[in-house]
């Protein structure tokens, strides 16, 4: 597969280097949404519904980013940063929950 990607990707203009990443990322998300597979079903057992939705959306995007960045040869060297950058904002959920509860 690497050879096929190199054959077609090497001919793309420089401003299209993230094309494969974007295509695979959105493709994975669409397959997940239309297949009905949901990480929220597993997370609802452990938390409130809307928090499970937030975690489900974040984890599905991180998973899609991981796969898409692995497949795109231009972005492959950034896998670690992309995944850590996607996981790190989850630490703010407890803080945001406290802020929301104070407003109510």
PDB file of N, CA and C in Angstrom:
ATOM      1  N   UNK A   1       0.832  -1.187   0.000  1.00  0.00           N
ATOM      2  CA  UNK A   1       0.000   0.000   0.000  1.00  0.00           C
ATOM      3  C   UNK A   1       0.880   1.255   0.000  1.00  0.00           C
ATOM      4  N   UNK A   2       2.000   1.189   0.674  1.00  0.00           N
ATOM      5  CA  UNK A   2       2.910   2.325   0.734  1.00  0.00           C
ATOM      6  C   UNK A   2       3.353   2.753  -0.660  1.00  0.00           C
ATOM      7  N   UNK A   3       3.602   1.780  -1.512  1.00  0.00           N
ATOM      8  CA  UNK A   3       4.055   2.094  -2.867  1.00  0.00           C
ATOM      9  C   UNK A   3       2.952   2.767  -3.684  1.00  0.00           C
ATOM     10  N   UNK A   4       1.730   2.325  -3.469  1.00  0.00           N
ATOM     11  CA  UNK A   4       0.600   2.935  -4.180  1.00  0.00           C
ATOM     12  C   UNK A   4       0.428   4.382  -3.733  1.00  0.00           C
ATOM     13  N   UNK A   5       0.496   4.608  -2.423  1.00  0.00           N
ATOM     14  CA  UNK A   5       0.365   5.976  -1.905  1.00  0.00           C
ATOM     15  C   UNK A   5       1.488   6.866  -2.415  1.00  0.00           C
ATOM     16  N   UNK A   6       2.718   6.345  -2.399  1.00  0.00           N
ATOM     17  CA  UNK A   6       3.856   7.132  -2.895  1.00  0.00           C
ATOM     18  C   UNK A   6       3.696   7.494  -4.360  1.00  0.00           C
ATOM     19  N   UNK A   7       3.153   6.567  -5.131  1.00  0.00           N
ATOM     20  CA  UNK A   7       2.965   6.807  -6.553  1.00  0.00           C
ATOM     21  C   UNK A   7       2.005   7.966  -6.804  1.00  0.00           C
ATOM     22  N   UNK A   8       0.899   7.992  -6.076  1.00  0.00           N
ATOM     23  CA  UNK A   8      -0.109   9.024  -6.296  1.00  0.00           C
ATOM     24  C   UNK A   8       0.114  10.283  -5.466  1.00  0.00           C
ATOM     25  N   UNK A   9       0.621  10.130  -4.254  1.00  0.00           N
ATOM     26  CA  UNK A   9       0.795  11.270  -3.358  1.00  0.00           C
ATOM     27  C   UNK A   9       1.977  12.129  -3.775  1.00  0.00           C
ATOM     28  N   UNK A  10       3.012  11.527  -4.307  1.00  0.00           N
ATOM     29  CA  UNK A  10       4.196  12.315  -4.670  1.00  0.00           C
ATOM     30  C   UNK A  10       3.902  13.304  -5.788  1.00  0.00           C
ATOM     31  N   UNK A  11       2.828  13.085  -6.530  1.00  0.00           N
ATOM     32  CA  UNK A  11       2.465  13.984  -7.621  1.00  0.00           C
ATOM     33  C   UNK A  11       1.523  15.102  -7.180  1.00  0.00           C
ATOM     34  N   UNK A  12       1.071  15.056  -5.947  1.00  0.00           N
ATOM     35  CA  UNK A  12       0.155  16.091  -5.467  1.00  0.00           C
ATOM     36  C   UNK A  12       0.916  17.391  -5.211  1.00  0.00           C
ATOM     37  N   UNK A  13       0.267  18.529  -5.445  1.00  0.00           N
ATOM     38  CA  UNK A  13       0.912  19.805  -5.101  1.00  0.00           C
ATOM     39  C   UNK A  13       1.108  19.903  -3.587  1.00  0.00           C
ATOM     40  N   UNK A  14       2.012  20.757  -3.152  1.00  0.00           N
ATOM     41  CA  UNK A  14       2.361  20.832  -1.732  1.00  0.00           C
ATOM     42  C   UNK A  14       1.185  21.244  -0.849  1.00  0.00           C
ATOM     43  N   UNK A  15       0.250  22.001  -1.364  1.00  0.00           N
ATOM     44  CA  UNK A  15      -0.885  22.400  -0.536  1.00  0.00           C
ATOM     45  C   UNK A  15      -1.931  21.289  -0.393  1.00  0.00           C
ATOM     46  N   UNK A  16      -1.709  20.148  -1.025  1.00  0.00           N
ATOM     47  CA  UNK A  16      -2.626  19.003  -0.919  1.00  0.00           C
ATOM     48  C   UNK A  16      -2.017  17.880  -0.091  1.00  0.00           C
ATOM     49  N   UNK A  17      -0.968  18.146   0.662  1.00  0.00           N
ATOM     50  CA  UNK A  17      -0.279  17.096   1.412  1.00  0.00           C
ATOM     51  C   UNK A  17      -1.155  16.443   2.475  1.00  0.00           C
ATOM     52  N   UNK A  18      -2.130  17.115   3.007  1.00  0.00           N
ATOM     53  CA  UNK A  18      -3.007  16.535   4.016  1.00  0.00           C
ATOM     54  C   UNK A  18      -4.262  15.907   3.446  1.00  0.00           C
ATOM     55  N   UNK A  19      -4.336  15.777   2.128  1.00  0.00           N
ATOM     56  CA  UNK A  19      -5.537  15.238   1.481  1.00  0.00           C
ATOM     57  C   UNK A  19      -5.873  13.839   1.980  1.00  0.00           C
ATOM     58  N   UNK A  20      -4.889  12.964   2.029  1.00  0.00           N
ATOM     59  CA  UNK A  20      -5.147  11.587   2.455  1.00  0.00           C
ATOM     60  C   UNK A  20      -5.617  11.571   3.906  1.00  0.00           C
ATOM     61  N   UNK A  21      -4.977  12.373   4.749  1.00  0.00           N
ATOM     62  CA  UNK A  21      -5.394  12.452   6.145  1.00  0.00           C
ATOM     63  C   UNK A  21      -6.860  12.867   6.244  1.00  0.00           C
ATOM     64  N   UNK A  22      -7.222  13.944   5.589  1.00  0.00           N
ATOM     65  CA  UNK A  22      -8.600  14.429   5.652  1.00  0.00           C
ATOM     66  C   UNK A  22      -9.595  13.432   5.101  1.00  0.00           C
ATOM     67  N   UNK A  23      -9.249  12.813   3.987  1.00  0.00           N
ATOM     68  CA  UNK A  23     -10.147  11.836   3.361  1.00  0.00           C
ATOM     69  C   UNK A  23     -10.365  10.636   4.279  1.00  0.00           C
ATOM     70  N   UNK A  24      -9.285  10.077   4.817  1.00  0.00           N
ATOM     71  CA  UNK A  24      -9.400   8.904   5.685  1.00  0.00           C
ATOM     72  C   UNK A  24     -10.091   9.267   6.988  1.00  0.00           C
ATOM     73  N   UNK A  25      -9.765  10.409   7.567  1.00  0.00           N
ATOM     74  CA  UNK A  25     -10.370  10.827   8.832  1.00  0.00           C
ATOM     75  C   UNK A  25     -11.884  10.944   8.701  1.00  0.00           C
ATOM     76  N   UNK A  26     -12.335  11.677   7.720  1.00  0.00           N
ATOM     77  CA  UNK A  26     -13.779  11.866   7.542  1.00  0.00           C
ATOM     78  C   UNK A  26     -14.438  10.559   7.106  1.00  0.00           C
ATOM     79  N   UNK A  27     -13.742   9.769   6.303  1.00  0.00           N
ATOM     80  CA  UNK A  27     -14.281   8.471   5.887  1.00  0.00           C
ATOM     81  C   UNK A  27     -14.523   7.551   7.071  1.00  0.00           C
ATOM     82  N   UNK A  28     -13.578   7.499   7.998  1.00  0.00           N
ATOM     83  CA  UNK A  28     -13.750   6.674   9.193  1.00  0.00           C
ATOM     84  C   UNK A  28     -14.921   7.172  10.023  1.00  0.00           C
ATOM     85  N   UNK A  29     -15.031   8.482  10.165  1.00  0.00           N
ATOM     86  CA  UNK A  29     -16.139   9.040  10.941  1.00  0.00           C
ATOM     87  C   UNK A  29     -17.488   8.704  10.289  1.00  0.00           C
ATOM     88  N   UNK A  30     -17.577   8.838   8.974  1.00  0.00           N
ATOM     89  CA  UNK A  30     -18.828   8.519   8.280  1.00  0.00           C
ATOM     90  C   UNK A  30     -19.187   7.042   8.412  1.00  0.00           C
ATOM     91  N   UNK A  31     -18.200   6.173   8.276  1.00  0.00           N
ATOM     92  CA  UNK A  31     -18.463   4.739   8.427  1.00  0.00           C
ATOM     93  C   UNK A  31     -18.969   4.449   9.840  1.00  0.00           C
ATOM     94  N   UNK A  32     -18.348   5.080  10.828  1.00  0.00           N
ATOM     95  CA  UNK A  32     -18.795   4.883  12.206  1.00  0.00           C
ATOM     96  C   UNK A  32     -20.215   5.369  12.434  1.00  0.00           C
ATOM     97  N   UNK A  33     -20.538   6.539  11.906  1.00  0.00           N
ATOM     98  CA  UNK A  33     -21.880   7.092  12.102  1.00  0.00           C
ATOM     99  C   UNK A  33     -22.945   6.274  11.376  1.00  0.00           C
ATOM    100  N   UNK A  34     -22.674   5.887  10.146  1.00  0.00           N
ATOM    101  CA  UNK A  34     -23.676   5.162   9.370  1.00  0.00           C
ATOM    102  C   UNK A  34     -23.774   3.688   9.730  1.00  0.00           C
ATOM    103  N   UNK A  35     -22.736   3.126  10.330  1.00  0.00           N
ATOM    104  CA  UNK A  35     -22.808   1.725  10.735  1.00  0.00           C
ATOM    105  C   UNK A  35     -23.532   1.581  12.069  1.00  0.00           C
ATOM    106  N   UNK A  36     -23.668   2.674  12.789  1.00  0.00           N
ATOM    107  CA  UNK A  36     -24.351   2.624  14.073  1.00  0.00           C
ATOM    108  C   UNK A  36     -23.428   2.252  15.222  1.00  0.00           C
ATOM    109  N   UNK A  37     -22.149   2.017  14.930  1.00  0.00           N
ATOM    110  CA  UNK A  37     -21.209   1.695  16.000  1.00  0.00           C
ATOM    111  C   UNK A  37     -20.972   2.937  16.821  1.00  0.00           C
ATOM    112  N   UNK A  38     -21.076   2.799  18.114  1.00  0.00           N
ATOM    113  CA  UNK A  38     -20.945   3.974  18.978  1.00  0.00           C
ATOM    114  C   UNK A  38     -20.193   3.617  20.245  1.00  0.00           C
ATOM    115  N   UNK A  39     -19.165   4.369  20.519  1.00  0.00           N
ATOM    116  CA  UNK A  39     -18.431   4.184  21.772  1.00  0.00           C
ATOM    117  C   UNK A  39     -19.271   4.685  22.947  1.00  0.00           C
ATOM    118  N   UNK A  40     -20.262   5.518  22.656  1.00  0.00           N
ATOM    119  CA  UNK A  40     -21.126   6.050  23.717  1.00  0.00           C
ATOM    120  C   UNK A  40     -21.888   4.942  24.425  1.00  0.00           C
ATOM    121  N   UNK A  41     -22.248   3.882  23.724  1.00  0.00           N
ATOM    122  CA  UNK A  41     -22.967   2.772  24.352  1.00  0.00           C
ATOM    123  C   UNK A  41     -22.151   2.165  25.483  1.00  0.00           C
ATOM    124  N   UNK A  42     -20.862   2.071  25.275  1.00  0.00           N
ATOM    125  CA  UNK A  42     -19.996   1.521  26.306  1.00  0.00           C
ATOM    126  C   UNK A  42     -19.774   2.524  27.433  1.00  0.00           C
ATOM    127  N   UNK A  43     -19.665   3.795  27.106  1.00  0.00           N
ATOM    128  CA  UNK A  43     -19.369   4.812  28.102  1.00  0.00           C
ATOM    129  C   UNK A  43     -20.576   5.202  28.938  1.00  0.00           C
ATOM    130  N   UNK A  44     -21.785   5.023  28.431  1.00  0.00           N
ATOM    131  CA  UNK A  44     -22.984   5.384  29.189  1.00  0.00           C
ATOM    132  C   UNK A  44     -23.124   4.528  30.439  1.00  0.00           C
ATOM    133  N   UNK A  45     -22.541   3.351  30.425  1.00  0.00           N
ATOM    134  CA  UNK A  45     -22.595   2.490  31.595  1.00  0.00           C
ATOM    135  C   UNK A  45     -21.804   3.073  32.760  1.00  0.00           C
ATOM    136  N   UNK A  46     -20.813   3.899  32.459  1.00  0.00           N
ATOM    137  CA  UNK A  46     -19.924   4.416  33.494  1.00  0.00           C
ATOM    138  C   UNK A  46     -20.159   5.885  33.843  1.00  0.00           C
ATOM    139  N   UNK A  47     -20.968   6.611  33.048  1.00  0.00           N
ATOM    140  CA  UNK A  47     -21.106   8.036  33.318  1.00  0.00           C
ATOM    141  C   UNK A  47     -22.450   8.549  32.838  1.00  0.00           C
ATOM    142  N   UNK A  48     -22.644   9.851  33.012  1.00  0.00           N
ATOM    143  CA  UNK A  48     -23.849  10.504  32.523  1.00  0.00           C
ATOM    144  C   UNK A  48     -23.868  10.475  31.008  1.00  0.00           C
ATOM    145  N   UNK A  49     -25.033  10.581  30.412  1.00  0.00           N
ATOM    146  CA  UNK A  49     -25.176  10.497  28.969  1.00  0.00           C
ATOM    147  C   UNK A  49     -24.400  11.536  28.188  1.00  0.00           C
ATOM    148  N   UNK A  50     -24.479  12.796  28.606  1.00  0.00           N
ATOM    149  CA  UNK A  50     -23.808  13.828  27.817  1.00  0.00           C
ATOM    150  C   UNK A  50     -22.293  13.753  27.963  1.00  0.00           C
ATOM    151  N   UNK A  51     -21.789  13.331  29.114  1.00  0.00           N
ATOM    152  CA  UNK A  51     -20.344  13.167  29.270  1.00  0.00           C
ATOM    153  C   UNK A  51     -19.873  11.993  28.414  1.00  0.00           C
ATOM    154  N   UNK A  52     -20.664  10.942  28.361  1.00  0.00           N
ATOM    155  CA  UNK A  52     -20.331   9.813  27.493  1.00  0.00           C
ATOM    156  C   UNK A  52     -20.307  10.265  26.038  1.00  0.00           C
ATOM    157  N   UNK A  53     -21.209  11.146  25.665  1.00  0.00           N
ATOM    158  CA  UNK A  53     -21.219  11.684  24.299  1.00  0.00           C
ATOM    159  C   UNK A  53     -19.972  12.490  23.992  1.00  0.00           C
ATOM    160  N   UNK A  54     -19.552  13.296  24.960  1.00  0.00           N
ATOM    161  CA  UNK A  54     -18.334  14.095  24.778  1.00  0.00           C
ATOM    162  C   UNK A  54     -17.130  13.175  24.631  1.00  0.00           C
ATOM    163  N   UNK A  55     -16.985  12.222  25.547  1.00  0.00           N
ATOM    164  CA  UNK A  55     -15.856  11.293  25.464  1.00  0.00           C
ATOM    165  C   UNK A  55     -15.922  10.461  24.190  1.00  0.00           C
ATOM    166  N   UNK A  56     -17.116  10.025  23.810  1.00  0.00           N
ATOM    167  CA  UNK A  56     -17.260   9.244  22.584  1.00  0.00           C
ATOM    168  C   UNK A  56     -16.836  10.009  21.354  1.00  0.00           C
ATOM    169  N   UNK A  57     -17.247  11.268  21.279  1.00  0.00           N
ATOM    170  CA  UNK A  57     -16.858  12.098  20.129  1.00  0.00           C
ATOM    171  C   UNK A  57     -15.352  12.327  20.102  1.00  0.00           C
ATOM    172  N   UNK A  58     -14.776  12.600  21.269  1.00  0.00           N
ATOM    173  CA  UNK A  58     -13.333  12.858  21.330  1.00  0.00           C
ATOM    174  C   UNK A  58     -12.547  11.601  20.984  1.00  0.00           C
ATOM    175  N   UNK A  59     -12.908  10.470  21.587  1.00  0.00           N
ATOM    176  CA  UNK A  59     -12.160   9.244  21.316  1.00  0.00           C
ATOM    177  C   UNK A  59     -12.317   8.771  19.880  1.00  0.00           C
ATOM    178  N   UNK A  60     -13.500   8.955  19.309  1.00  0.00           N
ATOM    179  CA  UNK A  60     -13.661   8.549  17.904  1.00  0.00           C
ATOM    180  C   UNK A  60     -12.810   9.424  16.990  1.00  0.00           C
ATOM    181  N   UNK A  61     -12.689  10.700  17.306  1.00  0.00           N
ATOM    182  CA  UNK A  61     -11.830  11.577  16.509  1.00  0.00           C
ATOM    183  C   UNK A  61     -10.352  11.240  16.704  1.00  0.00           C
ATOM    184  N   UNK A  62      -9.958  10.933  17.926  1.00  0.00           N
ATOM    185  CA  UNK A  62      -8.569  10.554  18.169  1.00  0.00           C
ATOM    186  C   UNK A  62      -8.243   9.272  17.415  1.00  0.00           C
ATOM    187  N   UNK A  63      -9.145   8.304  17.467  1.00  0.00           N
ATOM    188  CA  UNK A  63      -8.949   7.036  16.760  1.00  0.00           C
ATOM    189  C   UNK A  63      -8.850   7.268  15.255  1.00  0.00           C
ATOM    190  N   UNK A  64      -9.738   8.089  14.718  1.00  0.00           N
ATOM    191  CA  UNK A  64      -9.697   8.394  13.280  1.00  0.00           C
ATOM    192  C   UNK A  64      -8.429   9.167  12.927  1.00  0.00           C
ATOM    193  N   UNK A  65      -8.014  10.094  13.799  1.00  0.00           N
ATOM    194  CA  UNK A  65      -6.759  10.831  13.571  1.00  0.00           C
ATOM    195  C   UNK A  65      -5.562   9.890  13.559  1.00  0.00           C
ATOM    196  N   UNK A  66      -5.550   8.949  14.483  1.00  0.00           N
ATOM    197  CA  UNK A  66      -4.456   7.988  14.572  1.00  0.00           C
ATOM    198  C   UNK A  66      -4.325   7.184  13.285  1.00  0.00           C
ATOM    199  N   UNK A  67      -5.419   6.648  12.814  1.00  0.00           N
ATOM    200  CA  UNK A  67      -5.393   5.847  11.587  1.00  0.00           C
ATOM    201  C   UNK A  67      -5.050   6.714  10.377  1.00  0.00           C
ATOM    202  N   UNK A  68      -5.701   7.863  10.272  1.00  0.00           N
ATOM    203  CA  UNK A  68      -5.473   8.730   9.116  1.00  0.00           C
ATOM    204  C   UNK A  68      -4.042   9.250   9.069  1.00  0.00           C
ATOM    205  N   UNK A  69      -3.482   9.603  10.221  1.00  0.00           N
ATOM    206  CA  UNK A  69      -2.108  10.103  10.213  1.00  0.00           C
ATOM    207  C   UNK A  69      -1.106   8.991   9.946  1.00  0.00           C
ATOM    208  N   UNK A  70      -1.457   7.766  10.287  1.00  0.00           N
ATOM    209  CA  UNK A  70      -0.577   6.643   9.964  1.00  0.00           C
ATOM    210  C   UNK A  70      -0.571   6.362   8.466  1.00  0.00           C
ATOM    211  N   UNK A  71      -1.719   6.505   7.833  1.00  0.00           N
ATOM    212  CA  UNK A  71      -1.831   6.206   6.406  1.00  0.00           C
ATOM    213  C   UNK A  71      -1.224   7.308   5.545  1.00  0.00           C
ATOM    214  N   UNK A  72      -1.375   8.560   5.955  1.00  0.00           N
ATOM    215  CA  UNK A  72      -0.843   9.677   5.162  1.00  0.00           C
ATOM    216  C   UNK A  72       0.659   9.804   5.403  1.00  0.00           C
ATOM    217  N   UNK A  73       1.472   9.556   4.384  1.00  0.00           N
ATOM    218  CA  UNK A  73       2.925   9.592   4.592  1.00  0.00           C
ATOM    219  C   UNK A  73       3.463  10.974   4.939  1.00  0.00           C
ATOM    220  N   UNK A  74       2.765  12.031   4.580  1.00  0.00           N
ATOM    221  CA  UNK A  74       3.230  13.379   4.894  1.00  0.00           C
ATOM    222  C   UNK A  74       3.030  13.728   6.362  1.00  0.00           C
ATOM    223  N   UNK A  75       2.092  13.091   6.990  1.00  0.00           N
ATOM    224  CA  UNK A  75       1.734  13.426   8.371  1.00  0.00           C
ATOM    225  C   UNK A  75       2.178  12.330   9.342  1.00  0.00           C
ATOM    226  N   UNK A  76       2.672  11.221   8.833  1.00  0.00           N
ATOM    227  CA  UNK A  76       3.015  10.073   9.679  1.00  0.00           C
ATOM    228  C   UNK A  76       3.966  10.441  10.819  1.00  0.00           C
ATOM    229  N   UNK A  77       4.877  11.334  10.596  1.00  0.00           N
ATOM    230  CA  UNK A  77       5.827  11.696  11.649  1.00  0.00           C
ATOM    231  C   UNK A  77       5.175  12.491  12.777  1.00  0.00           C
ATOM    232  N   UNK A  78       3.942  12.924  12.591  1.00  0.00           N
ATOM    233  CA  UNK A  78       3.246  13.728  13.597  1.00  0.00           C
ATOM    234  C   UNK A  78       2.234  12.927  14.411  1.00  0.00           C
ATOM    235  N   UNK A  79       2.218  11.604  14.285  1.00  0.00           N
ATOM    236  CA  UNK A  79       1.199  10.782  14.949  1.00  0.00           C
ATOM    237  C   UNK A  79       1.160  11.045  16.458  1.00  0.00           C
ATOM    238  N   UNK A  80       2.302  10.978  17.097  1.00  0.00           N
ATOM    239  CA  UNK A  80       2.346  11.132  18.547  1.00  0.00           C
ATOM    240  C   UNK A  80       1.772  12.478  18.986  1.00  0.00           C
ATOM    241  N   UNK A  81       2.173  13.543  18.343  1.00  0.00           N
ATOM    242  CA  UNK A  81       1.681  14.871  18.695  1.00  0.00           C
ATOM    243  C   UNK A  81       0.187  15.020  18.449  1.00  0.00           C
ATOM    244  N   UNK A  82      -0.303  14.446  17.370  1.00  0.00           N
ATOM    245  CA  UNK A  82      -1.732  14.523  17.063  1.00  0.00           C
ATOM    246  C   UNK A  82      -2.548  13.808  18.133  1.00  0.00           C
ATOM    247  N   UNK A  83      -2.122  12.612  18.512  1.00  0.00           N
ATOM    248  CA  UNK A  83      -2.871  11.829  19.497  1.00  0.00           C
ATOM    249  C   UNK A  83      -2.798  12.475  20.879  1.00  0.00           C
ATOM    250  N   UNK A  84      -1.612  12.879  21.299  1.00  0.00           N
ATOM    251  CA  UNK A  84      -1.479  13.533  22.613  1.00  0.00           C
ATOM    252  C   UNK A  84      -2.242  14.857  22.624  1.00  0.00           C
ATOM    253  N   UNK A  85      -2.173  15.600  21.528  1.00  0.00           N
ATOM    254  CA  UNK A  85      -2.922  16.854  21.425  1.00  0.00           C
ATOM    255  C   UNK A  85      -4.424  16.640  21.467  1.00  0.00           C
ATOM    256  N   UNK A  86      -4.893  15.479  21.031  1.00  0.00           N
ATOM    257  CA  UNK A  86      -6.312  15.163  21.113  1.00  0.00           C
ATOM    258  C   UNK A  86      -6.744  14.683  22.489  1.00  0.00           C
ATOM    259  N   UNK A  87      -5.837  14.008  23.187  1.00  0.00           N
ATOM    260  CA  UNK A  87      -6.166  13.467  24.509  1.00  0.00           C
ATOM    261  C   UNK A  87      -6.073  14.536  25.602  1.00  0.00           C
ATOM    262  N   UNK A  88      -5.111  15.410  25.514  1.00  0.00           N
ATOM    263  CA  UNK A  88      -4.855  16.398  26.565  1.00  0.00           C
ATOM    264  C   UNK A  88      -6.064  17.262  26.938  1.00  0.00           C
ATOM    265  N   UNK A  89      -6.862  17.738  25.998  1.00  0.00           N
ATOM    266  CA  UNK A  89      -8.020  18.560  26.396  1.00  0.00           C
ATOM    267  C   UNK A  89      -9.053  17.819  27.251  1.00  0.00           C
ATOM    268  N   UNK A  90      -9.003  16.486  27.273  1.00  0.00           N
ATOM    269  CA  UNK A  90      -9.926  15.737  28.133  1.00  0.00           C
ATOM    270  C   UNK A  90      -9.712  16.063  29.606  1.00  0.00           C
ATOM    271  N   UNK A  91      -8.535  16.502  29.955  1.00  0.00           N
ATOM    272  CA  UNK A  91      -8.249  16.874  31.340  1.00  0.00           C
ATOM    273  C   UNK A  91      -9.071  18.084  31.788  1.00  0.00           C
ATOM    274  N   UNK A  92      -9.569  18.855  30.853  1.00  0.00           N
ATOM    275  CA  UNK A  92     -10.354  20.038  31.190  1.00  0.00           C
ATOM    276  C   UNK A  92     -11.827  19.731  31.461  1.00  0.00           C
ATOM    277  N   UNK A  93     -12.272  18.516  31.180  1.00  0.00           N
ATOM    278  CA  UNK A  93     -13.684  18.176  31.383  1.00  0.00           C
ATOM    279  C   UNK A  93     -14.120  18.357  32.834  1.00  0.00           C
ATOM    280  N   UNK A  94     -13.377  17.880  33.835  1.00  0.00           N
ATOM    281  CA  UNK A  94     -13.824  18.127  35.223  1.00  0.00           C
ATOM    282  C   UNK A  94     -13.926  19.613  35.568  1.00  0.00           C
ATOM    283  N   UNK A  95     -13.001  20.404  35.062  1.00  0.00           N
ATOM    284  CA  UNK A  95     -13.036  21.849  35.320  1.00  0.00           C
ATOM    285  C   UNK A  95     -14.262  22.472  34.661  1.00  0.00           C
ATOM    286  N   UNK A  96     -14.518  22.095  33.429  1.00  0.00           N
ATOM    287  CA  UNK A  96     -15.691  22.627  32.727  1.00  0.00           C
ATOM    288  C   UNK A  96     -16.988  22.170  33.393  1.00  0.00           C
ATOM    289  N   UNK A  97     -17.019  20.947  33.889  1.00  0.00           N
ATOM    290  CA  UNK A  97     -18.207  20.462  34.603  1.00  0.00           C
ATOM    291  C   UNK A  97     -18.458  21.274  35.870  1.00  0.00           C
ATOM    292  N   UNK A  98     -17.391  21.613  36.598  1.00  0.00           N
ATOM    293  CA  UNK A  98     -17.551  22.429  37.804  1.00  0.00           C
ATOM    294  C   UNK A  98     -18.077  23.820  37.448  1.00  0.00           C
ATOM    295  N   UNK A  99     -17.581  24.395  36.370  1.00  0.00           N
ATOM    296  CA  UNK A  99     -18.055  25.723  35.933  1.00  0.00           C
ATOM    297  C   UNK A  99     -19.528  25.678  35.544  1.00  0.00           C
ATOM    298  N   UNK A 100     -19.941  24.642  34.878  1.00  0.00           N
ATOM    299  CA  UNK A 100     -21.342  24.526  34.464  1.00  0.00           C
ATOM    300  C   UNK A 100     -22.246  24.341  35.670  1.00  0.00           C
ATOM    301  N   UNK A 101     -21.813  23.530  36.646  1.00  0.00           N
ATOM    302  CA  UNK A 101     -22.634  23.291  37.846  1.00  0.00           C
ATOM    303  C   UNK A 101     -22.774  24.553  38.679  1.00  0.00           C
ATOM    304  N   UNK A 102     -21.756  25.413  38.684  1.00  0.00           N
ATOM    305  CA  UNK A 102     -21.827  26.670  39.438  1.00  0.00           C
ATOM    306  C   UNK A 102     -22.846  27.615  38.816  1.00  0.00           C
ATOM    307  N   UNK A 103     -23.000  27.571  37.489  1.00  0.00           N
ATOM    308  CA  UNK A 103     -23.953  28.458  36.812  1.00  0.00           C
ATOM    309  C   UNK A 103     -25.393  28.063  37.085  1.00  0.00           C
ATOM    310  N   UNK A 104     -25.637  26.815  37.391  1.00  0.00           N
ATOM    311  CA  UNK A 104     -27.020  26.341  37.599  1.00  0.00           C
ATOM    312  C   UNK A 104     -27.517  26.666  38.949  1.00  0.00           C
TER     313      UNK A 104
END
